[in-house]
Amino acid sequence: MSVLEFRNIGFSYNRERTVLKDINLRVEQGDYLIVLGPNGGGKSTFLKLLVGLLKPTKGQVFLFDQDKKSQLKRVGYLPQHTNVNPHFPISVQDVVVMGRLRNGGQYWFTRKQDRAHACEMLDSVGLVDFRDRRIGDLSGGQRQRVLIARALMTDPELLVLDEPTASIDAAAKSAFYELLEKLNQSVTIIMVSHDLSIIPSGVKSVACVNQTLHYHNAPQITEEMLIMTYGCTSTGNCPVELVAHGVPHRVLSPHHKDH
């Protein structure tokens, strides 16, 4: 089953500056897609179109083979910038329970089953023993895990993440990517990153976005993708040795003239 389909998507701000054009993409259930591209290339706009924060200027977005709006409740979203203030005296468990408010929660009062479910989600990210701590007492990597748990509160079938490791250190990134690989056993994942140096272990497909989108159904970046997205080749100023979990490995697939 398709969990996401972009059909001929285009987007412009004020119909003057074109951000995305002619985007066609189909993501199948169980995929783990990483979306790469330069800053300002349209990656975050791509995600905002996916989760309904923006409407396309052209084309249609489908979720689970149906109208996007009716299916957004099946999507968990972790934006690049969250509204959680680490200095606010709120517990880890309460931050996670806030995930219930996104899809139909009307009151700040929580049900006993909501708090129990929050503990289950914290357990899934390895932080259930931290549930009574203040969010500000956690490290950056731990806070990102809490926000993942919050996004999982609605039991989504698709998890969407915008630059989730931008503010955490290398060790925390490695642990975070291991968590995503584990979650992908039951949830489809789409993650945006500007960091071309890292293709996390477990990633199944790659898309490069810079106004247009170039997709490869494997955890590799083709030379064509580098040329079209970054304007360079493997013999130029682009990196061809990428890194996963701190260990360099070649993910640039061989170039064949007949492709």
Protein backbone atom coordinates (compact mmCIF):
# COMPACT_ATOMS: atom_id res chain seq x y z
CA MET A 1 0.00 0.00 0.00
CA SER A 2 1.18 3.52 -0.76
CA VAL A 3 1.42 5.72 2.34
CA LEU A 4 2.32 8.87 0.40
CA GLU A 5 1.99 10.01 -3.18
CA PHE A 6 2.93 13.37 -4.66
CA ARG A 7 1.43 13.87 -8.13
CA ASN A 8 2.92 16.69 -10.20
CA ILE A 9 3.40 18.88 -7.13
CA GLY A 10 4.52 22.46 -7.47
CA PHE A 11 4.77 25.16 -4.82
CA SER A 12 5.56 28.87 -4.96
CA TYR A 13 5.46 31.56 -2.29
CA ASN A 14 3.28 34.43 -3.53
CA ARG A 15 3.41 32.78 -6.96
CA GLU A 16 6.76 34.46 -7.52
CA ARG A 17 9.50 32.33 -5.99
CA THR A 18 9.26 28.71 -7.12
CA VAL A 19 10.32 26.36 -4.32
CA LEU A 20 9.23 23.01 -5.75
CA LYS A 21 8.25 21.98 -9.26
CA ASP A 22 7.10 18.78 -10.96
CA ILE A 23 7.47 16.61 -7.84
CA ASN A 24 6.33 13.02 -8.30
CA LEU A 25 6.96 10.51 -5.54
CA ARG A 26 5.37 7.33 -4.22
CA VAL A 27 6.37 5.96 -0.81
CA GLU A 28 5.29 2.43 0.06
CA GLN A 29 4.34 1.08 3.47
CA GLY A 30 7.38 0.04 5.52
CA ASP A 31 9.82 2.32 3.71
CA TYR A 32 12.48 4.37 5.49
CA LEU A 33 13.15 7.33 3.22
CA ILE A 34 15.75 9.99 3.84
CA VAL A 35 15.26 13.29 1.99
CA LEU A 36 18.51 15.17 1.38
CA GLY A 37 19.32 18.47 -0.25
CA PRO A 38 20.98 21.85 0.20
CA ASN A 39 19.62 24.46 2.57
CA GLY A 40 16.89 26.41 0.81
CA GLY A 41 16.29 23.59 -1.66
CA GLY A 42 12.71 22.95 -0.54
CA LYS A 43 13.07 20.01 1.88
CA SER A 44 11.09 21.56 4.73
CA THR A 45 8.48 22.85 2.28
CA PHE A 46 8.16 19.28 1.00
CA LEU A 47 7.37 18.07 4.54
CA LYS A 48 4.95 20.91 5.24
CA LEU A 49 3.02 19.97 2.11
CA LEU A 50 2.97 16.37 3.32
CA VAL A 51 1.54 17.15 6.77
CA GLY A 52 -0.93 19.78 5.57
CA LEU A 53 0.77 22.93 6.84
CA LEU A 54 0.97 24.21 3.25
CA LYS A 55 -1.21 23.65 0.19
CA PRO A 56 0.42 22.93 -3.15
CA THR A 57 0.22 25.54 -5.87
CA LYS A 58 -0.12 22.70 -8.34
CA GLY A 59 -0.83 18.97 -8.15
CA GLN A 60 -2.23 16.66 -5.47
CA VAL A 61 -0.97 14.95 -2.32
CA PHE A 62 -2.41 11.59 -1.29
CA LEU A 63 -1.96 9.75 2.00
CA PHE A 64 -2.75 6.04 2.20
CA ASP A 65 -4.23 6.19 -1.31
CA GLN A 66 -6.87 8.66 -0.13
CA ASP A 67 -7.50 12.37 0.24
CA LYS A 68 -4.71 13.84 2.35
CA LYS A 69 -6.83 15.83 4.82
CA SER A 70 -8.89 12.85 5.95
CA GLN A 71 -5.76 10.78 6.65
CA LEU A 72 -3.54 13.21 8.56
CA LYS A 73 -4.50 11.56 11.85
CA ARG A 74 -2.44 8.57 10.71
CA VAL A 75 0.73 10.70 10.53
CA GLY A 76 3.12 11.56 13.37
CA TYR A 77 5.19 14.71 12.83
CA LEU A 78 8.35 15.98 14.52
CA PRO A 79 9.12 19.49 13.19
CA GLN A 80 12.59 20.97 13.15
CA HIS A 81 11.62 23.59 15.72
CA THR A 82 9.31 22.44 18.51
CA ASN A 83 7.25 24.43 20.98
CA VAL A 84 8.70 22.67 24.03
CA ASN A 85 10.59 25.12 26.25
CA PRO A 86 13.32 23.18 28.11
CA HIS A 87 13.18 25.76 30.92
CA PHE A 88 9.46 25.27 31.56
CA PRO A 89 8.87 23.04 34.62
CA ILE A 90 6.97 20.27 32.85
CA SER A 91 7.55 16.57 33.27
CA VAL A 92 8.69 14.25 30.49
CA GLN A 93 5.43 12.30 30.74
CA ASP A 94 3.33 15.46 30.38
CA VAL A 95 5.26 16.46 27.25
CA VAL A 96 4.46 13.08 25.71
CA VAL A 97 0.78 13.26 26.70
CA MET A 98 0.57 16.53 24.74
CA GLY A 99 0.73 14.37 21.63
CA ARG A 100 -2.88 13.35 22.27
CA LEU A 101 -4.05 16.96 21.90
CA ARG A 102 -3.05 17.09 18.23
CA ASN A 103 -5.77 14.73 17.12
CA GLY A 104 -8.95 15.58 18.91
CA GLY A 105 -7.85 16.35 22.45
CA GLN A 106 -9.86 19.31 23.73
CA TYR A 107 -8.76 19.75 27.33
CA TRP A 108 -5.55 19.90 29.29
CA PHE A 109 -6.98 17.29 31.65
CA THR A 110 -5.71 13.84 30.76
CA ARG A 111 -7.24 10.44 31.15
CA LYS A 112 -5.56 7.65 33.05
CA GLN A 113 -5.26 5.64 29.84
CA ASP A 114 -3.49 8.57 28.13
CA ARG A 115 -0.81 8.59 30.81
CA ALA A 116 -0.48 4.82 30.59
CA HIS A 117 -0.07 5.08 26.82
CA ALA A 118 2.55 7.80 27.31
CA CYS A 119 4.53 5.38 29.47
CA GLU A 120 4.31 2.77 26.72
CA MET A 121 5.66 5.26 24.17
CA LEU A 122 8.45 6.32 26.52
CA ASP A 123 9.32 2.67 26.99
CA SER A 124 9.53 2.26 23.20
CA VAL A 125 12.20 4.98 23.06
CA GLY A 126 14.02 3.75 26.17
CA LEU A 127 13.04 6.57 28.53
CA VAL A 128 10.19 5.26 30.67
CA ASP A 129 12.36 5.58 33.79
CA PHE A 130 12.68 9.32 33.06
CA ARG A 131 8.91 9.96 32.95
CA ASP A 132 8.81 12.06 36.15
CA ARG A 133 11.88 14.16 35.38
CA ARG A 134 11.65 17.70 34.09
CA ILE A 135 12.17 17.95 30.35
CA GLY A 136 14.90 20.54 30.91
CA ASP A 137 16.99 18.06 32.90
CA LEU A 138 17.47 15.80 29.87
CA SER A 139 20.22 15.96 27.28
CA GLY A 140 19.50 17.11 23.74
CA GLY A 141 19.44 13.54 22.46
CA GLN A 142 17.10 12.44 25.23
CA ARG A 143 14.75 15.35 24.53
CA GLN A 144 14.56 14.30 20.88
CA ARG A 145 13.57 10.81 22.02
CA VAL A 146 10.83 12.33 24.18
CA LEU A 147 9.53 14.25 21.17
CA ILE A 148 9.52 11.03 19.14
CA ALA A 149 7.43 9.44 21.90
CA ARG A 150 5.06 12.42 21.72
CA ALA A 151 4.71 11.99 17.95
CA LEU A 152 3.92 8.30 18.51
CA MET A 153 1.06 9.01 20.93
CA THR A 154 -1.55 8.73 18.18
CA ASP A 155 -0.14 5.37 17.01
CA PRO A 156 0.77 6.75 13.56
CA GLU A 157 1.47 4.59 10.55
CA LEU A 158 3.78 7.23 9.05
CA LEU A 159 6.40 9.12 11.07
CA VAL A 160 7.73 12.34 9.53
CA LEU A 161 10.84 14.05 10.92
CA ASP A 162 12.38 17.38 9.90
CA GLU A 163 16.12 17.64 10.71
CA PRO A 164 15.71 15.64 13.97
CA THR A 165 19.45 15.45 14.74
CA ALA A 166 20.41 19.03 13.93
CA SER A 167 21.13 20.01 17.55
CA ILE A 168 22.53 16.82 19.10
CA ASP A 169 26.07 15.43 19.27
CA ALA A 170 27.53 12.55 17.28
CA ALA A 171 27.02 9.91 19.98
CA ALA A 172 23.39 10.92 20.46
CA LYS A 173 22.86 10.85 16.69
CA SER A 174 24.09 7.28 16.49
CA ALA A 175 21.70 6.17 19.26
CA PHE A 176 18.87 8.13 17.66
CA TYR A 177 19.38 6.45 14.29
CA GLU A 178 19.38 3.05 15.99
CA LEU A 179 16.02 3.96 17.52
CA LEU A 180 14.58 4.93 14.14
CA GLU A 181 15.75 1.65 12.62
CA LYS A 182 13.91 -0.19 15.41
CA LEU A 183 10.74 1.89 14.98
CA ASN A 184 10.77 1.23 11.24
CA GLN A 185 9.79 -2.36 11.97
CA SER A 186 6.23 -1.10 12.54
CA VAL A 187 6.14 2.49 11.19
CA THR A 188 6.99 3.99 7.79
CA ILE A 189 9.56 6.78 8.22
CA ILE A 190 10.33 9.87 6.15
CA MET A 191 13.21 11.96 7.48
CA VAL A 192 14.62 15.20 6.10
CA SER A 193 18.29 16.07 6.53
CA HIS A 194 20.69 18.61 5.01
CA ASP A 195 23.68 16.47 6.01
CA LEU A 196 24.96 14.68 2.93
CA SER A 197 27.70 13.07 5.04
CA ILE A 198 25.35 10.68 6.81
CA ILE A 199 23.10 7.94 5.47
CA PRO A 200 21.87 6.24 8.66
CA SER A 201 21.90 2.48 8.95
CA GLY A 202 18.46 1.09 8.13
CA VAL A 203 17.57 3.66 5.47
CA LYS A 204 15.92 1.94 2.50
CA SER A 205 15.60 4.74 -0.06
CA VAL A 206 16.96 8.23 -0.77
CA ALA A 207 15.46 11.34 -2.36
CA CYS A 208 17.41 14.50 -3.17
CA VAL A 209 15.44 17.75 -3.34
CA ASN A 210 16.51 21.05 -4.87
CA GLN A 211 13.33 22.42 -6.49
CA THR A 212 12.97 19.11 -8.30
CA LEU A 213 13.17 15.65 -6.70
CA HIS A 214 15.41 12.74 -7.65
CA TYR A 215 14.58 9.38 -6.07
CA HIS A 216 16.60 6.18 -5.70
CA ASN A 217 15.00 3.03 -4.29
CA ALA A 218 18.14 2.04 -2.35
CA PRO A 219 20.32 3.56 0.41
CA GLN A 220 22.61 5.10 -2.19
CA ILE A 221 23.12 8.45 -3.86
CA THR A 222 23.66 8.12 -7.57
CA GLU A 223 26.00 10.36 -9.53
CA GLU A 224 22.99 11.66 -11.44
CA MET A 225 21.41 12.74 -8.13
CA LEU A 226 24.56 14.62 -7.15
CA ILE A 227 24.72 16.38 -10.51
CA MET A 228 21.05 17.36 -10.54
CA THR A 229 20.83 18.34 -6.86
CA TYR A 230 24.25 19.76 -6.02
CA GLY A 231 25.64 20.60 -9.44
CA CYS A 232 28.74 18.47 -9.03
CA THR A 233 30.12 15.02 -9.75
CA SER A 234 32.13 12.38 -7.96
CA THR A 235 35.30 13.84 -9.49
CA GLY A 236 34.45 17.39 -8.48
CA ASN A 237 33.95 19.03 -5.10
CA CYS A 238 31.19 16.74 -3.81
CA PRO A 239 31.78 14.06 -1.19
CA VAL A 240 31.47 10.52 -2.48
CA GLU A 241 32.49 8.83 0.74
CA LEU A 242 29.54 9.12 3.13
CA VAL A 243 29.36 8.17 6.77
CA ALA A 244 26.98 5.97 8.76
CA HIS A 245 27.50 5.55 12.51
CA GLY A 246 30.93 7.15 12.17
CA VAL A 247 32.27 4.52 9.76
CA PRO A 248 33.01 5.71 6.19
CA HIS A 249 31.47 3.59 3.47
CA ARG A 250 30.74 4.16 -0.19
CA VAL A 251 27.10 4.87 -0.92
CA LEU A 252 27.58 6.53 -4.28
CA SER A 253 26.44 3.92 -6.76
CA PRO A 254 28.45 3.33 -9.95
CA HIS A 255 27.62 5.55 -12.89
CA HIS A 256 26.56 3.80 -16.10
CA LYS A 257 26.18 5.73 -19.31
CA ASP A 258 23.12 3.76 -20.34
CA HIS A 259 21.14 4.87 -17.26
